[in-house]
Amino acid sequence: MSEGDGTLPDDTLVVVGRELGSTAHRMERVPFVMAGGARGALKARRYLDHDGEDHAKLLVSIAQLMGLETNSVGNRKRDSGPLSGLA
């Protein structure tokens, strides 16, 4: 679908993952899949390994990509900041 100078996937960001790694509500490692270009804010076709980073950093990164001025999500670790190298 054409959308100006790009396509709908170029302007969209879809995030798939689980906040908790299991249904037992334990903090476990879990993969997140992100698809779309987020209006050019993300580079496509790459694999990033942020093993051991808090999920909140991913959520902060996504919020900042959308133009929100925030440095934390939730209250587990205040001012966690974004993930490095995501954008």
PDB file of N, CA and C in Angstrom:
ATOM      1  N   MET A   1       0.845  -1.169   0.000  1.00  0.00           N
ATOM      2  CA  MET A   1       0.000   0.000   0.000  1.00  0.00           C
ATOM      3  C   MET A   1       0.895   1.237   0.000  1.00  0.00           C
ATOM      4  N   SER A   2       0.701   2.095  -0.937  1.00  0.00           N
ATOM      5  CA  SER A   2       1.491   3.307  -1.047  1.00  0.00           C
ATOM      6  C   SER A   2       1.045   4.310   0.004  1.00  0.00           C
ATOM      7  N   GLU A   3       2.018   4.977   0.591  1.00  0.00           N
ATOM      8  CA  GLU A   3       1.729   5.977   1.611  1.00  0.00           C
ATOM      9  C   GLU A   3       2.731   7.113   1.466  1.00  0.00           C
ATOM     10  N   GLY A   4       2.455   8.028   0.562  1.00  0.00           N
ATOM     11  CA  GLY A   4       3.388   9.119   0.316  1.00  0.00           C
ATOM     12  C   GLY A   4       4.639   8.617  -0.378  1.00  0.00           C
ATOM     13  N   ASP A   5       5.783   8.850   0.229  1.00  0.00           N
ATOM     14  CA  ASP A   5       7.062   8.431  -0.349  1.00  0.00           C
ATOM     15  C   ASP A   5       7.425   6.989  -0.018  1.00  0.00           C
ATOM     16  N   GLY A   6       6.637   6.306   0.803  1.00  0.00           N
ATOM     17  CA  GLY A   6       6.970   4.939   1.194  1.00  0.00           C
ATOM     18  C   GLY A   6       5.751   4.051   1.177  1.00  0.00           C
ATOM     19  N   THR A   7       5.792   3.044   2.022  1.00  0.00           N
ATOM     20  CA  THR A   7       4.684   2.096   2.137  1.00  0.00           C
ATOM     21  C   THR A   7       4.229   2.048   3.583  1.00  0.00           C
ATOM     22  N   LEU A   8       3.110   1.401   3.817  1.00  0.00           N
ATOM     23  CA  LEU A   8       2.588   1.270   5.169  1.00  0.00           C
ATOM     24  C   LEU A   8       3.607   0.608   6.107  1.00  0.00           C
ATOM     25  N   PRO A   9       4.274  -0.496   5.703  1.00  0.00           N
ATOM     26  CA  PRO A   9       5.289  -1.075   6.589  1.00  0.00           C
ATOM     27  C   PRO A   9       6.456  -0.126   6.887  1.00  0.00           C
ATOM     28  N   ASP A  10       6.763   0.784   5.973  1.00  0.00           N
ATOM     29  CA  ASP A  10       7.824   1.752   6.231  1.00  0.00           C
ATOM     30  C   ASP A  10       7.466   2.672   7.399  1.00  0.00           C
ATOM     31  N   ASP A  11       6.186   2.968   7.549  1.00  0.00           N
ATOM     32  CA  ASP A  11       5.734   3.910   8.567  1.00  0.00           C
ATOM     33  C   ASP A  11       5.219   3.243   9.835  1.00  0.00           C
ATOM     34  N   THR A  12       5.226   1.918   9.874  1.00  0.00           N
ATOM     35  CA  THR A  12       4.629   1.168  10.981  1.00  0.00           C
ATOM     36  C   THR A  12       5.705   0.513  11.833  1.00  0.00           C
ATOM     37  N   LEU A  13       5.396   0.287  13.098  1.00  0.00           N
ATOM     38  CA  LEU A  13       6.243  -0.525  13.960  1.00  0.00           C
ATOM     39  C   LEU A  13       5.351  -1.520  14.684  1.00  0.00           C
ATOM     40  N   VAL A  14       5.615  -2.804  14.480  1.00  0.00           N
ATOM     41  CA  VAL A  14       4.889  -3.880  15.152  1.00  0.00           C
ATOM     42  C   VAL A  14       5.877  -4.579  16.077  1.00  0.00           C
ATOM     43  N   VAL A  15       5.506  -4.718  17.336  1.00  0.00           N
ATOM     44  CA  VAL A  15       6.371  -5.361  18.325  1.00  0.00           C
ATOM     45  C   VAL A  15       5.643  -6.591  18.849  1.00  0.00           C
ATOM     46  N   VAL A  16       6.317  -7.739  18.806  1.00  0.00           N
ATOM     47  CA  VAL A  16       5.742  -8.990  19.293  1.00  0.00           C
ATOM     48  C   VAL A  16       6.682  -9.552  20.349  1.00  0.00           C
ATOM     49  N   GLY A  17       6.145  -9.882  21.508  1.00  0.00           N
ATOM     50  CA  GLY A  17       6.944 -10.455  22.583  1.00  0.00           C
ATOM     51  C   GLY A  17       6.109 -10.592  23.837  1.00  0.00           C
ATOM     52  N   ARG A  18       6.718 -11.077  24.875  1.00  0.00           N
ATOM     53  CA  ARG A  18       6.052 -11.213  26.159  1.00  0.00           C
ATOM     54  C   ARG A  18       6.849 -10.448  27.196  1.00  0.00           C
ATOM     55  N   GLU A  19       6.173  -9.756  28.056  1.00  0.00           N
ATOM     56  CA  GLU A  19       6.871  -9.003  29.104  1.00  0.00           C
ATOM     57  C   GLU A  19       7.525  -9.945  30.099  1.00  0.00           C
ATOM     58  N   LEU A  20       6.871 -11.061  30.396  1.00  0.00           N
ATOM     59  CA  LEU A  20       7.430 -12.070  31.286  1.00  0.00           C
ATOM     60  C   LEU A  20       7.744 -13.307  30.454  1.00  0.00           C
ATOM     61  N   GLY A  21       8.829 -13.980  30.777  1.00  0.00           N
ATOM     62  CA  GLY A  21       9.293 -15.099  29.971  1.00  0.00           C
ATOM     63  C   GLY A  21       8.445 -16.347  30.044  1.00  0.00           C
ATOM     64  N   SER A  22       7.620 -16.461  31.071  1.00  0.00           N
ATOM     65  CA  SER A  22       6.791 -17.658  31.197  1.00  0.00           C
ATOM     66  C   SER A  22       5.462 -17.287  31.831  1.00  0.00           C
ATOM     67  N   THR A  23       4.549 -18.242  31.855  1.00  0.00           N
ATOM     68  CA  THR A  23       3.263 -17.989  32.496  1.00  0.00           C
ATOM     69  C   THR A  23       3.359 -18.081  34.013  1.00  0.00           C
ATOM     70  N   ALA A  24       4.536 -18.429  34.528  1.00  0.00           N
ATOM     71  CA  ALA A  24       4.751 -18.495  35.976  1.00  0.00           C
ATOM     72  C   ALA A  24       5.133 -17.122  36.544  1.00  0.00           C
ATOM     73  N   HIS A  25       5.122 -16.089  35.720  1.00  0.00           N
ATOM     74  CA  HIS A  25       5.431 -14.717  36.128  1.00  0.00           C
ATOM     75  C   HIS A  25       6.837 -14.576  36.708  1.00  0.00           C
ATOM     76  N   ARG A  26       7.766 -15.282  36.097  1.00  0.00           N
ATOM     77  CA  ARG A  26       9.174 -15.145  36.471  1.00  0.00           C
ATOM     78  C   ARG A  26       9.846 -14.222  35.471  1.00  0.00           C
ATOM     79  N   MET A  27      10.838 -13.521  35.909  1.00  0.00           N
ATOM     80  CA  MET A  27      11.612 -12.658  35.021  1.00  0.00           C
ATOM     81  C   MET A  27      12.620 -13.535  34.279  1.00  0.00           C
ATOM     82  N   GLU A  28      12.277 -13.942  33.069  1.00  0.00           N
ATOM     83  CA  GLU A  28      13.126 -14.805  32.261  1.00  0.00           C
ATOM     84  C   GLU A  28      13.443 -14.121  30.944  1.00  0.00           C
ATOM     85  N   ARG A  29      14.489 -14.605  30.293  1.00  0.00           N
ATOM     86  CA  ARG A  29      14.846 -14.087  28.972  1.00  0.00           C
ATOM     87  C   ARG A  29      13.725 -14.384  27.987  1.00  0.00           C
ATOM     88  N   VAL A  30      13.441 -13.420  27.138  1.00  0.00           N
ATOM     89  CA  VAL A  30      12.385 -13.600  26.155  1.00  0.00           C
ATOM     90  C   VAL A  30      12.729 -12.775  24.915  1.00  0.00           C
ATOM     91  N   PRO A  31      12.552 -13.360  23.738  1.00  0.00           N
ATOM     92  CA  PRO A  31      12.840 -12.582  22.520  1.00  0.00           C
ATOM     93  C   PRO A  31      11.698 -11.636  22.176  1.00  0.00           C
ATOM     94  N   PHE A  32      12.044 -10.528  21.570  1.00  0.00           N
ATOM     95  CA  PHE A  32      11.071  -9.592  21.007  1.00  0.00           C
ATOM     96  C   PHE A  32      11.365  -9.487  19.522  1.00  0.00           C
ATOM     97  N   VAL A  33      10.331  -9.442  18.721  1.00  0.00           N
ATOM     98  CA  VAL A  33      10.471  -9.271  17.281  1.00  0.00           C
ATOM     99  C   VAL A  33       9.847  -7.932  16.926  1.00  0.00           C
ATOM    100  N   MET A  34      10.603  -7.132  16.192  1.00  0.00           N
ATOM    101  CA  MET A  34      10.105  -5.831  15.758  1.00  0.00           C
ATOM    102  C   MET A  34      10.118  -5.811  14.242  1.00  0.00           C
ATOM    103  N   ALA A  35       9.014  -5.373  13.661  1.00  0.00           N
ATOM    104  CA  ALA A  35       8.905  -5.308  12.207  1.00  0.00           C
ATOM    105  C   ALA A  35       8.389  -3.939  11.807  1.00  0.00           C
ATOM    106  N   GLY A  36       8.938  -3.417  10.731  1.00  0.00           N
ATOM    107  CA  GLY A  36       8.522  -2.117  10.230  1.00  0.00           C
ATOM    108  C   GLY A  36       9.638  -1.103  10.383  1.00  0.00           C
ATOM    109  N   GLY A  37       9.491  -0.006   9.700  1.00  0.00           N
ATOM    110  CA  GLY A  37      10.550   1.006   9.689  1.00  0.00           C
ATOM    111  C   GLY A  37      10.357   2.148  10.657  1.00  0.00           C
ATOM    112  N   ALA A  38       9.175   2.253  11.279  1.00  0.00           N
ATOM    113  CA  ALA A  38       8.898   3.326  12.244  1.00  0.00           C
ATOM    114  C   ALA A  38       9.237   4.700  11.662  1.00  0.00           C
ATOM    115  N   ARG A  39       8.772   4.921  10.425  1.00  0.00           N
ATOM    116  CA  ARG A  39       9.010   6.187   9.710  1.00  0.00           C
ATOM    117  C   ARG A  39      10.494   6.503   9.556  1.00  0.00           C
ATOM    118  N   GLY A  40      11.253   5.473   9.285  1.00  0.00           N
ATOM    119  CA  GLY A  40      12.684   5.646   9.049  1.00  0.00           C
ATOM    120  C   GLY A  40      13.538   5.684  10.306  1.00  0.00           C
ATOM    121  N   ALA A  41      12.931   5.506  11.469  1.00  0.00           N
ATOM    122  CA  ALA A  41      13.677   5.565  12.726  1.00  0.00           C
ATOM    123  C   ALA A  41      14.474   4.296  12.996  1.00  0.00           C
ATOM    124  N   LEU A  42      14.109   3.192  12.339  1.00  0.00           N
ATOM    125  CA  LEU A  42      14.801   1.922  12.556  1.00  0.00           C
ATOM    126  C   LEU A  42      15.417   1.409  11.265  1.00  0.00           C
ATOM    127  N   LYS A  43      16.577   0.800  11.405  1.00  0.00           N
ATOM    128  CA  LYS A  43      17.202   0.121  10.269  1.00  0.00           C
ATOM    129  C   LYS A  43      16.603  -1.277  10.178  1.00  0.00           C
ATOM    130  N   ALA A  44      16.335  -1.713   8.964  1.00  0.00           N
ATOM    131  CA  ALA A  44      15.687  -3.006   8.751  1.00  0.00           C
ATOM    132  C   ALA A  44      16.695  -4.145   8.610  1.00  0.00           C
ATOM    133  N   ARG A  45      16.173  -5.358   8.679  1.00  0.00           N
ATOM    134  CA  ARG A  45      16.918  -6.591   8.396  1.00  0.00           C
ATOM    135  C   ARG A  45      18.182  -6.758   9.236  1.00  0.00           C
ATOM    136  N   ARG A  46      18.018  -6.731  10.532  1.00  0.00           N
ATOM    137  CA  ARG A  46      19.170  -6.974  11.400  1.00  0.00           C
ATOM    138  C   ARG A  46      18.729  -7.670  12.669  1.00  0.00           C
ATOM    139  N   TYR A  47      19.674  -8.310  13.324  1.00  0.00           N
ATOM    140  CA  TYR A  47      19.442  -9.004  14.580  1.00  0.00           C
ATOM    141  C   TYR A  47      20.253  -8.284  15.650  1.00  0.00           C
ATOM    142  N   LEU A  48      19.594  -7.906  16.732  1.00  0.00           N
ATOM    143  CA  LEU A  48      20.282  -7.244  17.838  1.00  0.00           C
ATOM    144  C   LEU A  48      20.199  -8.117  19.074  1.00  0.00           C
ATOM    145  N   ASP A  49      21.296  -8.255  19.770  1.00  0.00           N
ATOM    146  CA  ASP A  49      21.335  -9.051  20.989  1.00  0.00           C
ATOM    147  C   ASP A  49      21.501  -8.108  22.174  1.00  0.00           C
ATOM    148  N   HIS A  50      20.428  -7.919  22.912  1.00  0.00           N
ATOM    149  CA  HIS A  50      20.453  -7.087  24.115  1.00  0.00           C
ATOM    150  C   HIS A  50      20.161  -7.968  25.326  1.00  0.00           C
ATOM    151  N   ASP A  51      20.739  -9.158  25.329  1.00  0.00           N
ATOM    152  CA  ASP A  51      20.522 -10.120  26.399  1.00  0.00           C
ATOM    153  C   ASP A  51      20.930  -9.507  27.741  1.00  0.00           C
ATOM    154  N   GLY A  52      20.065  -9.638  28.705  1.00  0.00           N
ATOM    155  CA  GLY A  52      20.343  -9.132  30.043  1.00  0.00           C
ATOM    156  C   GLY A  52      19.836  -7.722  30.286  1.00  0.00           C
ATOM    157  N   GLU A  53      19.379  -7.046  29.239  1.00  0.00           N
ATOM    158  CA  GLU A  53      18.831  -5.694  29.401  1.00  0.00           C
ATOM    159  C   GLU A  53      17.380  -5.786  29.873  1.00  0.00           C
ATOM    160  N   ASP A  54      16.950  -4.809  30.637  1.00  0.00           N
ATOM    161  CA  ASP A  54      15.560  -4.767  31.095  1.00  0.00           C
ATOM    162  C   ASP A  54      14.618  -4.495  29.932  1.00  0.00           C
ATOM    163  N   HIS A  55      13.447  -5.115  29.964  1.00  0.00           N
ATOM    164  CA  HIS A  55      12.433  -4.875  28.932  1.00  0.00           C
ATOM    165  C   HIS A  55      12.026  -3.412  28.910  1.00  0.00           C
ATOM    166  N   ALA A  56      12.104  -2.757  30.060  1.00  0.00           N
ATOM    167  CA  ALA A  56      11.716  -1.340  30.138  1.00  0.00           C
ATOM    168  C   ALA A  56      12.546  -0.492  29.176  1.00  0.00           C
ATOM    169  N   LYS A  57      13.799  -0.865  28.950  1.00  0.00           N
ATOM    170  CA  LYS A  57      14.641  -0.104  28.027  1.00  0.00           C
ATOM    171  C   LYS A  57      14.091  -0.180  26.603  1.00  0.00           C
ATOM    172  N   LEU A  58      13.580  -1.332  26.212  1.00  0.00           N
ATOM    173  CA  LEU A  58      12.954  -1.456  24.894  1.00  0.00           C
ATOM    174  C   LEU A  58      11.719  -0.569  24.820  1.00  0.00           C
ATOM    175  N   LEU A  59      10.902  -0.585  25.878  1.00  0.00           N
ATOM    176  CA  LEU A  59       9.694   0.230  25.887  1.00  0.00           C
ATOM    177  C   LEU A  59      10.031   1.721  25.867  1.00  0.00           C
ATOM    178  N   VAL A  60      11.084   2.124  26.564  1.00  0.00           N
ATOM    179  CA  VAL A  60      11.533   3.523  26.521  1.00  0.00           C
ATOM    180  C   VAL A  60      11.983   3.875  25.106  1.00  0.00           C
ATOM    181  N   SER A  61      12.722   2.978  24.470  1.00  0.00           N
ATOM    182  CA  SER A  61      13.187   3.213  23.102  1.00  0.00           C
ATOM    183  C   SER A  61      12.017   3.410  22.152  1.00  0.00           C
ATOM    184  N   ILE A  62      10.997   2.566  22.274  1.00  0.00           N
ATOM    185  CA  ILE A  62       9.821   2.672  21.414  1.00  0.00           C
ATOM    186  C   ILE A  62       9.090   3.992  21.681  1.00  0.00           C
ATOM    187  N   ALA A  63       8.940   4.355  22.944  1.00  0.00           N
ATOM    188  CA  ALA A  63       8.283   5.620  23.280  1.00  0.00           C
ATOM    189  C   ALA A  63       9.043   6.800  22.686  1.00  0.00           C
ATOM    190  N   GLN A  64      10.373   6.762  22.758  1.00  0.00           N
ATOM    191  CA  GLN A  64      11.174   7.849  22.196  1.00  0.00           C
ATOM    192  C   GLN A  64      11.083   7.885  20.678  1.00  0.00           C
ATOM    193  N   LEU A  65      10.979   6.712  20.029  1.00  0.00           N
ATOM    194  CA  LEU A  65      10.785   6.676  18.578  1.00  0.00           C
ATOM    195  C   LEU A  65       9.481   7.359  18.178  1.00  0.00           C
ATOM    196  N   MET A  66       8.486   7.292  19.065  1.00  0.00           N
ATOM    197  CA  MET A  66       7.190   7.918  18.791  1.00  0.00           C
ATOM    198  C   MET A  66       7.176   9.398  19.169  1.00  0.00           C
ATOM    199  N   GLY A  67       8.306   9.898  19.642  1.00  0.00           N
ATOM    200  CA  GLY A  67       8.396  11.320  19.969  1.00  0.00           C
ATOM    201  C   GLY A  67       8.074  11.670  21.407  1.00  0.00           C
ATOM    202  N   LEU A  68       7.889  10.684  22.259  1.00  0.00           N
ATOM    203  CA  LEU A  68       7.608  10.959  23.669  1.00  0.00           C
ATOM    204  C   LEU A  68       8.910  11.252  24.404  1.00  0.00           C
ATOM    205  N   GLU A  69       8.886  12.252  25.240  1.00  0.00           N
ATOM    206  CA  GLU A  69      10.074  12.612  26.020  1.00  0.00           C
ATOM    207  C   GLU A  69      10.011  11.908  27.367  1.00  0.00           C
ATOM    208  N   THR A  70      10.520  10.690  27.399  1.00  0.00           N
ATOM    209  CA  THR A  70      10.537   9.901  28.626  1.00  0.00           C
ATOM    210  C   THR A  70      11.847   9.141  28.708  1.00  0.00           C
ATOM    211  N   ASN A  71      12.260   8.835  29.914  1.00  0.00           N
ATOM    212  CA  ASN A  71      13.482   8.076  30.117  1.00  0.00           C
ATOM    213  C   ASN A  71      13.239   6.842  30.991  1.00  0.00           C
ATOM    214  N   SER A  72      11.947   6.580  31.297  1.00  0.00           N
ATOM    215  CA  SER A  72      11.632   5.387  32.069  1.00  0.00           C
ATOM    216  C   SER A  72      10.198   4.952  31.796  1.00  0.00           C
ATOM    217  N   VAL A  73       9.952   3.665  32.016  1.00  0.00           N
ATOM    218  CA  VAL A  73       8.622   3.081  31.907  1.00  0.00           C
ATOM    219  C   VAL A  73       8.457   2.195  33.127  1.00  0.00           C
ATOM    220  N   GLY A  74       7.362   2.351  33.849  1.00  0.00           N
ATOM    221  CA  GLY A  74       7.163   1.563  35.061  1.00  0.00           C
ATOM    222  C   GLY A  74       7.991   2.119  36.198  1.00  0.00           C
ATOM    223  N   ASN A  75       8.082   1.366  37.273  1.00  0.00           N
ATOM    224  CA  ASN A  75       8.835   1.855  38.425  1.00  0.00           C
ATOM    225  C   ASN A  75       9.870   0.873  38.942  1.00  0.00           C
ATOM    226  N   ARG A  76      10.197  -0.151  38.161  1.00  0.00           N
ATOM    227  CA  ARG A  76      11.202  -1.117  38.617  1.00  0.00           C
ATOM    228  C   ARG A  76      12.580  -0.476  38.702  1.00  0.00           C
ATOM    229  N   LYS A  77      12.978   0.216  37.650  1.00  0.00           N
ATOM    230  CA  LYS A  77      14.241   0.954  37.641  1.00  0.00           C
ATOM    231  C   LYS A  77      13.967   2.318  37.026  1.00  0.00           C
ATOM    232  N   ARG A  78      13.952   3.340  37.825  1.00  0.00           N
ATOM    233  CA  ARG A  78      13.682   4.678  37.322  1.00  0.00           C
ATOM    234  C   ARG A  78      14.830   5.143  36.433  1.00  0.00           C
ATOM    235  N   ASP A  79      14.476   5.881  35.397  1.00  0.00           N
ATOM    236  CA  ASP A  79      15.442   6.441  34.444  1.00  0.00           C
ATOM    237  C   ASP A  79      16.356   5.367  33.846  1.00  0.00           C
ATOM    238  N   SER A  80      15.744   4.263  33.411  1.00  0.00           N
ATOM    239  CA  SER A  80      16.520   3.184  32.804  1.00  0.00           C
ATOM    240  C   SER A  80      17.133   3.603  31.479  1.00  0.00           C
ATOM    241  N   GLY A  81      16.467   4.534  30.777  1.00  0.00           N
ATOM    242  CA  GLY A  81      16.962   4.984  29.486  1.00  0.00           C
ATOM    243  C   GLY A  81      16.630   3.993  28.392  1.00  0.00           C
ATOM    244  N   PRO A  82      16.988   4.334  27.141  1.00  0.00           N
ATOM    245  CA  PRO A  82      16.701   3.457  26.000  1.00  0.00           C
ATOM    246  C   PRO A  82      17.791   2.411  25.800  1.00  0.00           C
ATOM    247  N   LEU A  83      17.548   1.501  24.879  1.00  0.00           N
ATOM    248  CA  LEU A  83      18.562   0.536  24.462  1.00  0.00           C
ATOM    249  C   LEU A  83      19.563   1.241  23.553  1.00  0.00           C
ATOM    250  N   SER A  84      20.806   0.944  23.701  1.00  0.00           N
ATOM    251  CA  SER A  84      21.812   1.527  22.818  1.00  0.00           C
ATOM    252  C   SER A  84      21.808   0.786  21.473  1.00  0.00           C
ATOM    253  N   GLY A  85      21.963   1.521  20.393  1.00  0.00           N
ATOM    254  CA  GLY A  85      22.086   0.917  19.081  1.00  0.00           C
ATOM    255  C   GLY A  85      20.790   0.473  18.435  1.00  0.00           C
ATOM    256  N   LEU A  86      19.645   0.778  19.045  1.00  0.00           N
ATOM    257  CA  LEU A  86      18.389   0.329  18.456  1.00  0.00           C
ATOM    258  C   LEU A  86      18.018   1.169  17.234  1.00  0.00           C
ATOM    259  N   ALA A  87      18.078   2.461  17.370  1.00  0.00           N
ATOM    260  CA  ALA A  87      17.682   3.345  16.258  1.00  0.00           C
ATOM    261  C   ALA A  87      18.797   3.485  15.245  1.00  0.00           C
TER     262      ALA A  87
END
